[in-house]
Amino acid sequence: MSPPPIVRKTATANFKIIGPKFGKLVNAVARRIKEMSSGEVVQLDKTGAFSTDINGTPVTVTREDVTIAAQSIEGWLVESGDGLTVALDTTLTPELVNEGLAREFVNRVQNMRKDAGLEVTDRIRIHFEAPSRVSEAVQRLSDYIKSETLATQLTPGRDSAEHWEKWEIDGEPCEIGISKA
C-alpha cells in the first residue's frame, strides 16, 4: 500500500480557451475537468495532455486548457517548483514541544547571565518556578539545559539565588533564579 499523497492537485477549466476549442461540448468538458482525480491532474501536469471520452467523442485536454492548483494535506507544509516537491511534516509531537520550551528556558537563562555580568565560562546554579508544562519540559531536558548554560544545578523551587527574574515561556509565567556556582 502506497503512502497517502502529500499534495492534492485539482484542475479548473480555462473557458477562454476551451470555449472556442470544444464548441458545444464545452460544458461537458468543463464538468469532466472539474471531476478529474488528483492522479489525472498530475498526469496532465506531467505529460501536458489528458485524453478522455465526452458523450462518445474522444477529447484531449491540454495543459493550457486548465488552471492547476495544489492543496497540501493538513499537518504538512508543501512547496513545489522546477519539477521538485518538498514536504515538511509540521505536526508538533510532545517531544518537539518540550524541546521548544527547553530552548526558550535556555534563552532566558542566557539573557540573565549576560544581564548579571557573568563571564562566559562562569558556572551557575539555576532554580525555577513554573507551571507543570514548562517544569516537566525543563526537568526532562535538564542535561541539555545544564550543558547549554554551564549550570551545575537545575532545581525546581525558590531559593536565595542572587538574580531572580519573571519571564513568560510560551504564554506560561515562569520565575528563574541564577547564582554563580
Protein backbone atom coordinates (compact mmCIF):
# COMPACT_ATOMS: atom_id res chain seq x y z
CA MET A 1 0.00 0.00 0.00
CA SER A 2 1.48 3.36 -1.02
CA PRO A 3 1.54 6.32 1.37
CA PRO A 4 -1.20 8.93 1.04
CA PRO A 5 -0.41 11.83 -1.30
CA ILE A 6 1.09 14.91 0.33
CA VAL A 7 -0.48 17.22 -2.25
CA ARG A 8 -3.91 17.07 -3.82
CA LYS A 9 -3.99 18.62 -7.28
CA THR A 10 -7.17 19.98 -8.82
CA ALA A 11 -7.92 21.46 -12.24
CA THR A 12 -10.38 24.14 -13.28
CA ALA A 13 -11.37 24.88 -16.85
CA ASN A 14 -9.99 27.93 -18.64
CA PHE A 15 -13.19 28.89 -20.50
CA LYS A 16 -11.47 31.47 -22.75
CA ILE A 17 -9.51 28.63 -24.32
CA ILE A 18 -11.87 25.66 -24.10
CA GLY A 19 -14.94 27.60 -25.36
CA PRO A 20 -13.66 28.10 -28.92
CA LYS A 21 -11.75 24.77 -28.84
CA PHE A 22 -14.65 22.47 -27.84
CA GLY A 23 -17.71 24.44 -29.00
CA LYS A 24 -20.98 22.77 -27.99
CA LEU A 25 -19.09 20.22 -25.84
CA VAL A 26 -17.62 22.99 -23.66
CA ASN A 27 -19.93 22.44 -20.65
CA ALA A 28 -19.41 18.67 -20.66
CA VAL A 29 -15.62 19.14 -20.98
CA ALA A 30 -15.63 21.71 -18.14
CA ARG A 31 -17.60 19.27 -15.95
CA ARG A 32 -15.13 16.45 -16.74
CA ILE A 33 -12.17 18.76 -15.92
CA LYS A 34 -13.77 19.63 -12.59
CA GLU A 35 -14.29 15.90 -11.83
CA MET A 36 -10.69 14.91 -12.67
CA SER A 37 -9.00 12.90 -9.95
CA SER A 38 -5.78 14.18 -8.39
CA GLY A 39 -3.92 11.41 -10.29
CA GLU A 40 -5.42 12.51 -13.61
CA VAL A 41 -4.44 16.13 -12.91
CA VAL A 42 -0.88 15.01 -12.06
CA GLN A 43 -0.76 13.06 -15.35
CA LEU A 44 -1.99 16.14 -17.26
CA ASP A 45 0.56 18.32 -15.49
CA LYS A 46 3.44 15.91 -16.29
CA THR A 47 2.58 14.94 -19.86
CA GLY A 48 0.83 18.12 -21.00
CA ALA A 49 -2.29 16.26 -22.16
CA PHE A 50 -5.16 14.15 -20.86
CA SER A 51 -7.39 12.13 -23.18
CA THR A 52 -10.95 11.21 -22.28
CA ASP A 53 -14.29 10.48 -23.85
CA ILE A 54 -17.12 13.04 -23.71
CA ASN A 55 -20.54 11.82 -24.88
CA GLY A 56 -18.86 9.28 -27.20
CA THR A 57 -16.44 11.85 -28.64
CA PRO A 58 -12.71 11.47 -27.92
CA VAL A 59 -11.36 14.68 -26.39
CA THR A 60 -7.83 15.72 -25.43
CA VAL A 61 -7.49 18.32 -22.69
CA THR A 62 -4.12 20.10 -22.73
CA ARG A 63 -2.23 21.95 -20.03
CA GLU A 64 -3.32 25.37 -21.37
CA ASP A 65 -7.00 24.34 -21.18
CA VAL A 66 -6.86 24.30 -17.38
CA THR A 67 -5.56 26.03 -14.28
CA ILE A 68 -3.95 23.56 -11.87
CA ALA A 69 -3.95 24.19 -8.13
CA ALA A 70 -2.23 22.19 -5.40
CA GLN A 71 -3.53 21.84 -1.85
CA SER A 72 -1.33 20.49 0.94
CA ILE A 73 -2.76 17.90 3.27
CA GLU A 74 -3.27 19.00 6.87
CA GLY A 75 -0.14 18.92 9.02
CA TRP A 76 2.26 19.29 6.07
CA LEU A 77 3.92 22.32 4.54
CA VAL A 78 4.49 21.68 0.83
CA GLU A 79 6.29 23.72 -1.81
CA SER A 80 6.80 22.79 -5.46
CA GLY A 81 8.96 24.23 -8.20
CA ASP A 82 11.04 23.13 -11.18
CA GLY A 83 9.57 19.63 -11.07
CA LEU A 84 10.52 19.13 -7.43
CA THR A 85 8.15 18.92 -4.45
CA VAL A 86 9.34 19.22 -0.87
CA ALA A 87 7.07 18.33 2.05
CA LEU A 88 7.70 19.11 5.70
CA ASP A 89 5.70 17.43 8.45
CA THR A 90 4.69 20.28 10.76
CA THR A 91 2.98 18.12 13.38
CA LEU A 92 4.20 19.06 16.86
CA THR A 93 4.87 15.97 18.94
CA PRO A 94 5.12 16.23 22.75
CA GLU A 95 8.90 15.76 22.40
CA LEU A 96 9.17 18.70 19.99
CA VAL A 97 7.03 20.90 22.26
CA ASN A 98 9.26 20.02 25.24
CA GLU A 99 12.37 20.78 23.20
CA GLY A 100 10.95 24.17 22.23
CA LEU A 101 10.12 25.01 25.86
CA ALA A 102 13.61 23.96 26.97
CA ARG A 103 15.22 26.13 24.29
CA GLU A 104 13.15 29.11 25.44
CA PHE A 105 14.22 28.41 29.03
CA VAL A 106 17.89 28.33 27.94
CA ASN A 107 17.40 31.63 26.12
CA ARG A 108 16.02 33.30 29.27
CA VAL A 109 18.87 31.95 31.42
CA GLN A 110 21.47 33.14 28.89
CA ASN A 111 19.92 36.63 28.94
CA MET A 112 20.04 36.60 32.75
CA ARG A 113 23.71 35.53 32.70
CA LYS A 114 24.52 38.45 30.42
CA ASP A 115 22.49 40.96 32.47
CA ALA A 116 24.17 39.72 35.69
CA GLY A 117 27.59 40.39 34.14
CA LEU A 118 28.72 36.77 34.41
CA GLU A 119 31.65 35.56 32.35
CA VAL A 120 31.01 33.12 29.51
CA THR A 121 32.89 30.43 31.43
CA ASP A 122 31.23 31.00 34.84
CA ARG A 123 29.36 28.00 36.22
CA ILE A 124 25.91 28.74 37.68
CA ARG A 125 23.13 27.23 39.79
CA ILE A 126 19.57 27.54 38.46
CA HIS A 127 16.34 27.47 40.44
CA PHE A 128 12.95 27.92 38.82
CA GLU A 129 9.23 28.03 39.45
CA ALA A 130 6.94 27.29 36.53
CA PRO A 131 3.61 25.66 35.68
CA SER A 132 3.75 21.89 35.21
CA ARG A 133 4.00 22.02 31.40
CA VAL A 134 7.18 24.13 31.46
CA SER A 135 8.51 22.46 34.60
CA GLU A 136 8.18 18.97 33.08
CA ALA A 137 9.96 20.07 29.90
CA VAL A 138 12.80 21.66 31.91
CA GLN A 139 13.23 18.56 34.05
CA ARG A 140 13.08 16.15 31.09
CA LEU A 141 15.72 18.13 29.22
CA SER A 142 17.76 19.13 32.26
CA ASP A 143 21.02 17.68 30.88
CA TYR A 144 20.65 19.77 27.71
CA ILE A 145 19.81 22.92 29.72
CA LYS A 146 22.72 22.43 32.13
CA SER A 147 25.11 21.83 29.24
CA GLU A 148 23.97 24.94 27.34
CA THR A 149 24.04 27.25 30.38
CA LEU A 150 27.06 25.78 32.24
CA ALA A 151 24.78 25.01 35.19
CA THR A 152 25.95 22.66 37.91
CA GLN A 153 22.46 22.51 39.40
CA LEU A 154 18.95 22.87 37.99
CA THR A 155 16.35 22.69 40.75
CA PRO A 156 12.63 23.42 40.89
CA GLY A 157 11.57 25.73 43.71
CA ARG A 158 12.64 29.08 45.10
CA ASP A 159 15.86 29.73 46.95
CA SER A 160 18.07 32.69 47.71
CA ALA A 161 19.51 32.92 44.19
CA GLU A 162 21.36 36.18 43.50
CA HIS A 163 19.34 37.05 40.38
CA TRP A 164 15.62 36.28 40.10
CA GLU A 165 13.55 37.29 37.14
CA LYS A 166 9.97 36.74 35.96
CA TRP A 167 9.56 35.51 32.43
CA GLU A 168 6.90 34.16 30.13
CA ILE A 169 7.64 30.95 28.25
CA ASP A 170 5.10 30.02 25.59
CA GLY A 171 2.44 32.05 27.39
CA GLU A 172 3.19 30.47 30.79
CA PRO A 173 4.58 32.51 33.74
CA CYS A 174 7.99 31.34 34.87
CA GLU A 175 10.43 32.59 37.51
CA ILE A 176 14.09 31.83 37.13
CA GLY A 177 16.85 32.40 39.68
CA ILE A 178 20.55 32.09 38.92
CA SER A 179 23.65 32.26 41.15
CA LYS A 180 27.31 31.92 40.37
CA ALA A 181 28.41 28.43 41.47
